[in-house]
Amino acid sequence: MNAKTVGAVAALTGVSVRTLHHYDHIGLVVPSVRTPTGYRGYTDADIERLHLVLVYRSVGLRLDEIRTLLDDPDVDVLAHLQRQHQLLSEQAEQLQYTIKAVEGLMNAHQKGIQLTAEEQVEIFGTTAFSEEYAAEAEERWGGTDAWKQSQQRVSRFTKDDWIAIQAETVALLDALAQAKRDGVAPGCAEANELVERHRASIQRYYDCDDEMHRCLAEMYLADERFTRYYDDAEPGLAQYVHDIIVANIER
């Protein structure tokens, strides 16, 4: 059998040796044979499992969830792959849209052109976090430490940072919507992990302690633009996000 060493798999897939050892240790991707020289080796089937892990990770599943999916004999792997393909296609479409928008803005800067607000909306689209909201946010919070932190951190973001942030934002929104559909209860371990992912997404811009997180959760219900952002992804999602944040704080 043509088995590959951990080093060869790392070189082939781009997954670090350290990560491969971790996956082996937790029983997620375990090399199934011994090479002629006595080393543990990965078969083609092992490497396919590794690629399935990478696919599931790309849409925000936890490692224990992935192991459960891959080890359950009753799980229809093809059906899951089709679902992941759909999610990834949607993310790719949104990323391509964002990339084109950023390139349009870069092109304007290279030519020394300041795009009007209307032109910016034309290339970026209208979202809950539009130019109008940005101006309002500055008026309301421009003197706060959080605003100053946000401006400092955003000023250092690169094009690749923005693309990564967009992908993570889409994955988080999908995960929150799926948790609500699955009936994941506020206060449980899975819900609390989603809350911490949500907090981490905020902390890209400014520090977010429990008090700040609670204020944001309340704003998602009080401001119809935020409510619409979440509820467009899944009806009632804004209330659900509020509830899991509050439950995580009060545990």
C-alpha atoms as a PDB file:
ATOM      1  CA  MET A   1       0.000   0.000   0.000  1.00  0.00           C
ATOM      2  CA  ASN A   2       1.328   3.434  -0.971  1.00  0.00           C
ATOM      3  CA  ALA A   3       1.168   5.299   2.368  1.00  0.00           C
ATOM      4  CA  LYS A   4       2.555   8.753   3.047  1.00  0.00           C
ATOM      5  CA  THR A   5       4.448   9.972   6.117  1.00  0.00           C
ATOM      6  CA  VAL A   6       3.200  12.857   8.202  1.00  0.00           C
ATOM      7  CA  GLY A   7       5.824  15.111   6.627  1.00  0.00           C
ATOM      8  CA  ALA A   8       4.735  14.152   3.128  1.00  0.00           C
ATOM      9  CA  VAL A   9       1.073  14.794   3.974  1.00  0.00           C
ATOM     10  CA  ALA A  10       1.981  18.189   5.449  1.00  0.00           C
ATOM     11  CA  ALA A  11       3.859  19.118   2.281  1.00  0.00           C
ATOM     12  CA  LEU A  12       1.044  17.832   0.078  1.00  0.00           C
ATOM     13  CA  THR A  13      -1.887  19.482   1.871  1.00  0.00           C
ATOM     14  CA  GLY A  14      -0.358  22.527   3.541  1.00  0.00           C
ATOM     15  CA  VAL A  15      -1.550  21.333   6.961  1.00  0.00           C
ATOM     16  CA  SER A  16       1.240  21.668   9.518  1.00  0.00           C
ATOM     17  CA  VAL A  17       2.856  18.618  11.084  1.00  0.00           C
ATOM     18  CA  ARG A  18       1.816  19.957  14.484  1.00  0.00           C
ATOM     19  CA  THR A  19      -1.838  20.093  13.409  1.00  0.00           C
ATOM     20  CA  LEU A  20      -1.644  16.599  11.920  1.00  0.00           C
ATOM     21  CA  HIS A  21      -0.207  15.279  15.193  1.00  0.00           C
ATOM     22  CA  HIS A  22      -3.046  17.003  17.080  1.00  0.00           C
ATOM     23  CA  TYR A  23      -5.667  15.472  14.778  1.00  0.00           C
ATOM     24  CA  ASP A  24      -4.031  12.087  15.335  1.00  0.00           C
ATOM     25  CA  HIS A  25      -3.963  12.583  19.125  1.00  0.00           C
ATOM     26  CA  ILE A  26      -7.691  13.392  19.336  1.00  0.00           C
ATOM     27  CA  GLY A  27      -8.662  10.598  16.939  1.00  0.00           C
ATOM     28  CA  LEU A  28      -9.870  12.897  14.188  1.00  0.00           C
ATOM     29  CA  VAL A  29      -7.466  11.865  11.397  1.00  0.00           C
ATOM     30  CA  VAL A  30      -5.370   8.848  12.361  1.00  0.00           C
ATOM     31  CA  PRO A  31      -2.757   7.343  10.007  1.00  0.00           C
ATOM     32  CA  SER A  32      -3.966   3.781   9.492  1.00  0.00           C
ATOM     33  CA  VAL A  33      -0.901   1.838   8.316  1.00  0.00           C
ATOM     34  CA  ARG A  34       2.776   1.351   9.004  1.00  0.00           C
ATOM     35  CA  THR A  35       5.280   2.254   6.305  1.00  0.00           C
ATOM     36  CA  PRO A  36       8.041  -0.240   5.364  1.00  0.00           C
ATOM     37  CA  THR A  37      10.438   1.793   7.523  1.00  0.00           C
ATOM     38  CA  GLY A  38       8.188   1.509  10.562  1.00  0.00           C
ATOM     39  CA  TYR A  39       6.603   4.953  10.486  1.00  0.00           C
ATOM     40  CA  ARG A  40       2.858   5.421  10.654  1.00  0.00           C
ATOM     41  CA  GLY A  41       1.490   6.197   7.226  1.00  0.00           C
ATOM     42  CA  TYR A  42      -1.536   7.950   5.742  1.00  0.00           C
ATOM     43  CA  THR A  43      -3.497   6.147   3.051  1.00  0.00           C
ATOM     44  CA  ASP A  44      -5.493   7.880   0.312  1.00  0.00           C
ATOM     45  CA  ALA A  45      -8.614   7.308   2.420  1.00  0.00           C
ATOM     46  CA  ASP A  46      -6.934   8.955   5.431  1.00  0.00           C
ATOM     47  CA  ILE A  47      -6.049  11.993   3.319  1.00  0.00           C
ATOM     48  CA  GLU A  48      -9.629  12.172   2.015  1.00  0.00           C
ATOM     49  CA  ARG A  49     -10.800  12.253   5.644  1.00  0.00           C
ATOM     50  CA  LEU A  50      -8.337  15.073   6.295  1.00  0.00           C
ATOM     51  CA  HIS A  51      -9.763  17.032   3.391  1.00  0.00           C
ATOM     52  CA  LEU A  52     -13.294  16.481   4.726  1.00  0.00           C
ATOM     53  CA  VAL A  53     -12.128  17.872   8.068  1.00  0.00           C
ATOM     54  CA  LEU A  54     -10.754  20.962   6.300  1.00  0.00           C
ATOM     55  CA  VAL A  55     -14.034  21.441   4.428  1.00  0.00           C
ATOM     56  CA  TYR A  56     -16.106  21.214   7.604  1.00  0.00           C
ATOM     57  CA  ARG A  57     -13.702  23.534   9.453  1.00  0.00           C
ATOM     58  CA  SER A  58     -14.030  26.122   6.680  1.00  0.00           C
ATOM     59  CA  VAL A  59     -17.736  26.518   7.463  1.00  0.00           C
ATOM     60  CA  GLY A  60     -17.239  26.831  11.212  1.00  0.00           C
ATOM     61  CA  LEU A  61     -17.844  23.333  12.628  1.00  0.00           C
ATOM     62  CA  ARG A  62     -15.967  22.387  15.805  1.00  0.00           C
ATOM     63  CA  LEU A  63     -13.534  19.469  15.756  1.00  0.00           C
ATOM     64  CA  ASP A  64     -15.714  17.322  18.030  1.00  0.00           C
ATOM     65  CA  GLU A  65     -18.710  17.928  15.741  1.00  0.00           C
ATOM     66  CA  ILE A  66     -16.641  16.946  12.720  1.00  0.00           C
ATOM     67  CA  ARG A  67     -15.446  13.746  14.387  1.00  0.00           C
ATOM     68  CA  THR A  68     -19.039  12.810  15.222  1.00  0.00           C
ATOM     69  CA  LEU A  69     -20.112  13.387  11.621  1.00  0.00           C
ATOM     70  CA  LEU A  70     -17.252  11.407  10.131  1.00  0.00           C
ATOM     71  CA  ASP A  71     -17.533   8.495  12.565  1.00  0.00           C
ATOM     72  CA  ASP A  72     -21.307   8.076  12.406  1.00  0.00           C
ATOM     73  CA  PRO A  73     -22.062   5.189  10.013  1.00  0.00           C
ATOM     74  CA  ASP A  74     -25.584   6.519   9.469  1.00  0.00           C
ATOM     75  CA  VAL A  75     -24.438   9.933   8.287  1.00  0.00           C
ATOM     76  CA  ASP A  76     -24.832  10.507   4.553  1.00  0.00           C
ATOM     77  CA  VAL A  77     -21.420  11.977   3.703  1.00  0.00           C
ATOM     78  CA  LEU A  78     -22.495  12.908   0.174  1.00  0.00           C
ATOM     79  CA  ALA A  79     -25.496  14.840   1.499  1.00  0.00           C
ATOM     80  CA  HIS A  80     -23.255  16.726   3.913  1.00  0.00           C
ATOM     81  CA  LEU A  81     -20.768  17.478   1.155  1.00  0.00           C
ATOM     82  CA  GLN A  82     -23.558  18.808  -1.021  1.00  0.00           C
ATOM     83  CA  ARG A  83     -24.679  21.085   1.836  1.00  0.00           C
ATOM     84  CA  GLN A  84     -21.110  22.291   2.436  1.00  0.00           C
ATOM     85  CA  HIS A  85     -20.692  22.847  -1.309  1.00  0.00           C
ATOM     86  CA  GLN A  86     -23.771  25.050  -1.278  1.00  0.00           C
ATOM     87  CA  LEU A  87     -22.512  27.074   1.718  1.00  0.00           C
ATOM     88  CA  LEU A  88     -19.036  27.453   0.240  1.00  0.00           C
ATOM     89  CA  SER A  89     -20.470  28.510  -3.099  1.00  0.00           C
ATOM     90  CA  GLU A  90     -22.536  31.183  -1.375  1.00  0.00           C
ATOM     91  CA  GLN A  91     -19.458  32.378   0.542  1.00  0.00           C
ATOM     92  CA  ALA A  92     -17.352  32.353  -2.617  1.00  0.00           C
ATOM     93  CA  GLU A  93     -19.963  34.422  -4.439  1.00  0.00           C
ATOM     94  CA  GLN A  94     -20.026  36.969  -1.609  1.00  0.00           C
ATOM     95  CA  LEU A  95     -16.224  37.031  -1.442  1.00  0.00           C
ATOM     96  CA  GLN A  96     -15.923  37.638  -5.166  1.00  0.00           C
ATOM     97  CA  TYR A  97     -18.399  40.499  -4.828  1.00  0.00           C
ATOM     98  CA  THR A  98     -16.358  41.971  -1.958  1.00  0.00           C
ATOM     99  CA  ILE A  99     -13.051  41.496  -3.798  1.00  0.00           C
ATOM    100  CA  LYS A 100     -14.413  43.373  -6.819  1.00  0.00           C
ATOM    101  CA  ALA A 101     -15.687  46.144  -4.560  1.00  0.00           C
ATOM    102  CA  VAL A 102     -12.327  46.513  -2.809  1.00  0.00           C
ATOM    103  CA  GLU A 103     -10.524  46.495  -6.161  1.00  0.00           C
ATOM    104  CA  GLY A 104     -12.878  49.232  -7.378  1.00  0.00           C
ATOM    105  CA  LEU A 105     -12.014  51.340  -4.342  1.00  0.00           C
ATOM    106  CA  MET A 106      -8.282  50.642  -4.818  1.00  0.00           C
ATOM    107  CA  ASN A 107      -8.550  51.691  -8.462  1.00  0.00           C
ATOM    108  CA  ALA A 108     -10.185  54.973  -7.448  1.00  0.00           C
ATOM    109  CA  HIS A 109      -7.413  55.676  -4.923  1.00  0.00           C
ATOM    110  CA  GLN A 110      -4.720  54.905  -7.500  1.00  0.00           C
ATOM    111  CA  LYS A 111      -6.303  57.518  -9.775  1.00  0.00           C
ATOM    112  CA  GLY A 112      -6.619  60.032  -6.934  1.00  0.00           C
ATOM    113  CA  ILE A 113     -10.416  59.934  -7.078  1.00  0.00           C
ATOM    114  CA  GLN A 114     -12.611  60.282  -3.999  1.00  0.00           C
ATOM    115  CA  LEU A 115     -15.760  58.262  -4.604  1.00  0.00           C
ATOM    116  CA  THR A 116     -19.004  59.822  -3.452  1.00  0.00           C
ATOM    117  CA  ALA A 117     -21.106  58.030  -0.850  1.00  0.00           C
ATOM    118  CA  GLU A 118     -23.526  57.024  -3.608  1.00  0.00           C
ATOM    119  CA  GLU A 119     -20.709  55.579  -5.729  1.00  0.00           C
ATOM    120  CA  GLN A 120     -19.404  53.649  -2.717  1.00  0.00           C
ATOM    121  CA  VAL A 121     -22.837  52.163  -2.087  1.00  0.00           C
ATOM    122  CA  GLU A 122     -23.014  51.251  -5.770  1.00  0.00           C
ATOM    123  CA  ILE A 123     -19.883  49.083  -5.559  1.00  0.00           C
ATOM    124  CA  PHE A 124     -20.245  47.793  -1.992  1.00  0.00           C
ATOM    125  CA  GLY A 125     -24.008  47.441  -1.896  1.00  0.00           C
ATOM    126  CA  THR A 126     -26.375  48.494   0.867  1.00  0.00           C
ATOM    127  CA  THR A 127     -26.096  46.636   4.192  1.00  0.00           C
ATOM    128  CA  ALA A 128     -26.974  47.198   7.839  1.00  0.00           C
ATOM    129  CA  PHE A 129     -23.508  48.743   8.181  1.00  0.00           C
ATOM    130  CA  SER A 130     -23.767  51.303   5.377  1.00  0.00           C
ATOM    131  CA  GLU A 131     -22.233  54.756   4.951  1.00  0.00           C
ATOM    132  CA  GLU A 132     -25.281  56.251   6.660  1.00  0.00           C
ATOM    133  CA  TYR A 133     -24.811  54.022   9.692  1.00  0.00           C
ATOM    134  CA  ALA A 134     -21.067  54.727   9.814  1.00  0.00           C
ATOM    135  CA  ALA A 135     -21.759  58.472  10.042  1.00  0.00           C
ATOM    136  CA  GLU A 136     -24.365  57.879  12.741  1.00  0.00           C
ATOM    137  CA  ALA A 137     -21.980  55.635  14.668  1.00  0.00           C
ATOM    138  CA  GLU A 138     -19.301  58.312  14.643  1.00  0.00           C
ATOM    139  CA  GLU A 139     -21.784  60.896  15.895  1.00  0.00           C
ATOM    140  CA  ARG A 140     -22.968  58.640  18.734  1.00  0.00           C
ATOM    141  CA  TRP A 141     -19.679  57.017  19.790  1.00  0.00           C
ATOM    142  CA  GLY A 142     -16.927  59.106  18.203  1.00  0.00           C
ATOM    143  CA  GLY A 143     -15.546  60.198  21.589  1.00  0.00           C
ATOM    144  CA  THR A 144     -15.447  56.738  23.175  1.00  0.00           C
ATOM    145  CA  ASP A 145     -12.417  54.521  23.714  1.00  0.00           C
ATOM    146  CA  ALA A 146     -14.110  51.786  21.662  1.00  0.00           C
ATOM    147  CA  TRP A 147     -14.443  54.132  18.685  1.00  0.00           C
ATOM    148  CA  LYS A 148     -10.790  55.171  18.926  1.00  0.00           C
ATOM    149  CA  GLN A 149      -9.703  51.522  19.161  1.00  0.00           C
ATOM    150  CA  SER A 150     -11.837  50.642  16.165  1.00  0.00           C
ATOM    151  CA  GLN A 151     -10.377  53.414  14.030  1.00  0.00           C
ATOM    152  CA  GLN A 152      -6.809  52.440  14.968  1.00  0.00           C
ATOM    153  CA  ARG A 153      -7.314  48.738  14.274  1.00  0.00           C
ATOM    154  CA  VAL A 154      -9.261  49.204  11.037  1.00  0.00           C
ATOM    155  CA  SER A 155      -6.569  51.530   9.708  1.00  0.00           C
ATOM    156  CA  ARG A 156      -4.129  48.594   9.791  1.00  0.00           C
ATOM    157  CA  PHE A 157      -6.394  46.129   7.964  1.00  0.00           C
ATOM    158  CA  THR A 158      -5.174  44.969   4.567  1.00  0.00           C
ATOM    159  CA  LYS A 159      -7.228  43.785   1.613  1.00  0.00           C
ATOM    160  CA  ASP A 160      -6.570  40.179   2.684  1.00  0.00           C
ATOM    161  CA  ASP A 161      -7.718  41.040   6.224  1.00  0.00           C
ATOM    162  CA  TRP A 162     -11.018  42.359   4.901  1.00  0.00           C
ATOM    163  CA  ILE A 163     -11.523  39.275   2.742  1.00  0.00           C
ATOM    164  CA  ALA A 164     -10.822  36.983   5.709  1.00  0.00           C
ATOM    165  CA  ILE A 165     -13.145  39.005   7.934  1.00  0.00           C
ATOM    166  CA  GLN A 166     -15.926  38.754   5.364  1.00  0.00           C
ATOM    167  CA  ALA A 167     -15.540  34.967   5.163  1.00  0.00           C
ATOM    168  CA  GLU A 168     -15.527  34.633   8.965  1.00  0.00           C
ATOM    169  CA  THR A 169     -18.584  36.881   9.245  1.00  0.00           C
ATOM    170  CA  VAL A 170     -20.542  34.767   6.772  1.00  0.00           C
ATOM    171  CA  ALA A 171     -19.488  31.546   8.537  1.00  0.00           C
ATOM    172  CA  LEU A 172     -20.488  32.928  11.943  1.00  0.00           C
ATOM    173  CA  LEU A 173     -23.891  34.082  10.696  1.00  0.00           C
ATOM    174  CA  ASP A 174     -24.487  30.648   9.133  1.00  0.00           C
ATOM    175  CA  ALA A 175     -23.454  28.927  12.388  1.00  0.00           C
ATOM    176  CA  LEU A 176     -25.761  31.117  14.486  1.00  0.00           C
ATOM    177  CA  ALA A 177     -28.680  30.501  12.135  1.00  0.00           C
ATOM    178  CA  GLN A 178     -28.040  26.748  12.126  1.00  0.00           C
ATOM    179  CA  ALA A 179     -27.845  26.677  15.938  1.00  0.00           C
ATOM    180  CA  LYS A 180     -31.252  28.361  16.178  1.00  0.00           C
ATOM    181  CA  ARG A 181     -32.724  25.917  13.656  1.00  0.00           C
ATOM    182  CA  ASP A 182     -31.220  23.004  15.604  1.00  0.00           C
ATOM    183  CA  GLY A 183     -32.705  24.240  18.875  1.00  0.00           C
ATOM    184  CA  VAL A 184     -29.352  24.832  20.582  1.00  0.00           C
ATOM    185  CA  ALA A 185     -30.384  26.161  23.998  1.00  0.00           C
ATOM    186  CA  PRO A 186     -29.020  29.425  25.426  1.00  0.00           C
ATOM    187  CA  GLY A 187     -26.529  28.708  28.182  1.00  0.00           C
ATOM    188  CA  CYS A 188     -25.376  25.317  26.870  1.00  0.00           C
ATOM    189  CA  ALA A 189     -21.740  24.694  25.931  1.00  0.00           C
ATOM    190  CA  GLU A 190     -22.385  24.873  22.178  1.00  0.00           C
ATOM    191  CA  ALA A 191     -24.287  28.157  22.487  1.00  0.00           C
ATOM    192  CA  ASN A 192     -21.588  29.639  24.733  1.00  0.00           C
ATOM    193  CA  GLU A 193     -18.919  28.721  22.205  1.00  0.00           C
ATOM    194  CA  LEU A 194     -20.883  30.581  19.512  1.00  0.00           C
ATOM    195  CA  VAL A 195     -21.155  33.586  21.836  1.00  0.00           C
ATOM    196  CA  GLU A 196     -17.390  33.638  22.269  1.00  0.00           C
ATOM    197  CA  ARG A 197     -16.946  33.439  18.493  1.00  0.00           C
ATOM    198  CA  HIS A 198     -19.309  36.386  18.224  1.00  0.00           C
ATOM    199  CA  ARG A 199     -17.372  38.306  20.884  1.00  0.00           C
ATOM    200  CA  ALA A 200     -14.105  37.564  19.051  1.00  0.00           C
ATOM    201  CA  SER A 201     -15.579  39.001  15.849  1.00  0.00           C
ATOM    202  CA  ILE A 202     -16.325  42.249  17.725  1.00  0.00           C
ATOM    203  CA  GLN A 203     -12.903  42.322  19.349  1.00  0.00           C
ATOM    204  CA  ARG A 204     -11.257  42.623  15.947  1.00  0.00           C
ATOM    205  CA  TYR A 205     -12.340  46.245  16.246  1.00  0.00           C
ATOM    206  CA  TYR A 206     -12.461  47.063  19.972  1.00  0.00           C
ATOM    207  CA  ASP A 207     -12.400  45.428  23.403  1.00  0.00           C
ATOM    208  CA  CYS A 208     -15.721  43.784  24.228  1.00  0.00           C
ATOM    209  CA  ASP A 209     -16.331  42.911  27.890  1.00  0.00           C
ATOM    210  CA  ASP A 210     -19.591  41.481  29.244  1.00  0.00           C
ATOM    211  CA  GLU A 211     -21.205  44.903  29.676  1.00  0.00           C
ATOM    212  CA  MET A 212     -20.363  45.919  26.103  1.00  0.00           C
ATOM    213  CA  HIS A 213     -21.542  42.556  24.762  1.00  0.00           C
ATOM    214  CA  ARG A 214     -24.871  42.922  26.572  1.00  0.00           C
ATOM    215  CA  CYS A 215     -25.310  46.439  25.167  1.00  0.00           C
ATOM    216  CA  LEU A 216     -24.707  45.142  21.653  1.00  0.00           C
ATOM    217  CA  ALA A 217     -27.199  42.305  22.188  1.00  0.00           C
ATOM    218  CA  GLU A 218     -29.834  44.810  23.268  1.00  0.00           C
ATOM    219  CA  MET A 219     -29.067  46.996  20.255  1.00  0.00           C
ATOM    220  CA  TYR A 220     -29.717  44.049  17.926  1.00  0.00           C
ATOM    221  CA  LEU A 221     -33.347  44.173  19.109  1.00  0.00           C
ATOM    222  CA  ALA A 222     -33.677  47.937  19.479  1.00  0.00           C
ATOM    223  CA  ASP A 223     -32.246  48.934  16.090  1.00  0.00           C
ATOM    224  CA  GLU A 224     -34.278  47.539  13.202  1.00  0.00           C
ATOM    225  CA  ARG A 225     -31.250  47.570  10.893  1.00  0.00           C
ATOM    226  CA  PHE A 226     -29.421  45.079  13.100  1.00  0.00           C
ATOM    227  CA  THR A 227     -32.593  43.082  13.669  1.00  0.00           C
ATOM    228  CA  ARG A 228     -33.078  42.852   9.909  1.00  0.00           C
ATOM    229  CA  TYR A 229     -29.440  41.810   9.373  1.00  0.00           C
ATOM    230  CA  TYR A 230     -29.916  38.762  11.613  1.00  0.00           C
ATOM    231  CA  ASP A 231     -33.545  37.993  10.820  1.00  0.00           C
ATOM    232  CA  ASP A 232     -32.888  38.032   7.077  1.00  0.00           C
ATOM    233  CA  ALA A 233     -30.582  35.060   7.681  1.00  0.00           C
ATOM    234  CA  GLU A 234     -33.077  33.221   9.911  1.00  0.00           C
ATOM    235  CA  PRO A 235     -36.414  34.526  11.262  1.00  0.00           C
ATOM    236  CA  GLY A 236     -36.077  35.362  14.947  1.00  0.00           C
ATOM    237  CA  LEU A 237     -32.283  35.162  14.876  1.00  0.00           C
ATOM    238  CA  ALA A 238     -31.737  38.622  16.420  1.00  0.00           C
ATOM    239  CA  GLN A 239     -33.702  37.575  19.514  1.00  0.00           C
ATOM    240  CA  TYR A 240     -31.828  34.267  19.639  1.00  0.00           C
ATOM    241  CA  VAL A 241     -28.414  35.984  19.438  1.00  0.00           C
ATOM    242  CA  HIS A 242     -29.519  38.345  22.213  1.00  0.00           C
ATOM    243  CA  ASP A 243     -30.647  35.436  24.380  1.00  0.00           C
ATOM    244  CA  ILE A 244     -27.484  33.346  24.027  1.00  0.00           C
ATOM    245  CA  ILE A 245     -25.275  36.363  24.752  1.00  0.00           C
ATOM    246  CA  VAL A 246     -27.218  37.224  27.909  1.00  0.00           C
ATOM    247  CA  ALA A 247     -27.272  33.579  29.045  1.00  0.00           C
ATOM    248  CA  ASN A 248     -23.509  33.333  28.560  1.00  0.00           C
ATOM    249  CA  ILE A 249     -22.949  36.470  30.665  1.00  0.00           C
ATOM    250  CA  GLU A 250     -25.263  35.326  33.471  1.00  0.00           C
ATOM    251  CA  ARG A 251     -24.010  31.744  33.768  1.00  0.00           C
END
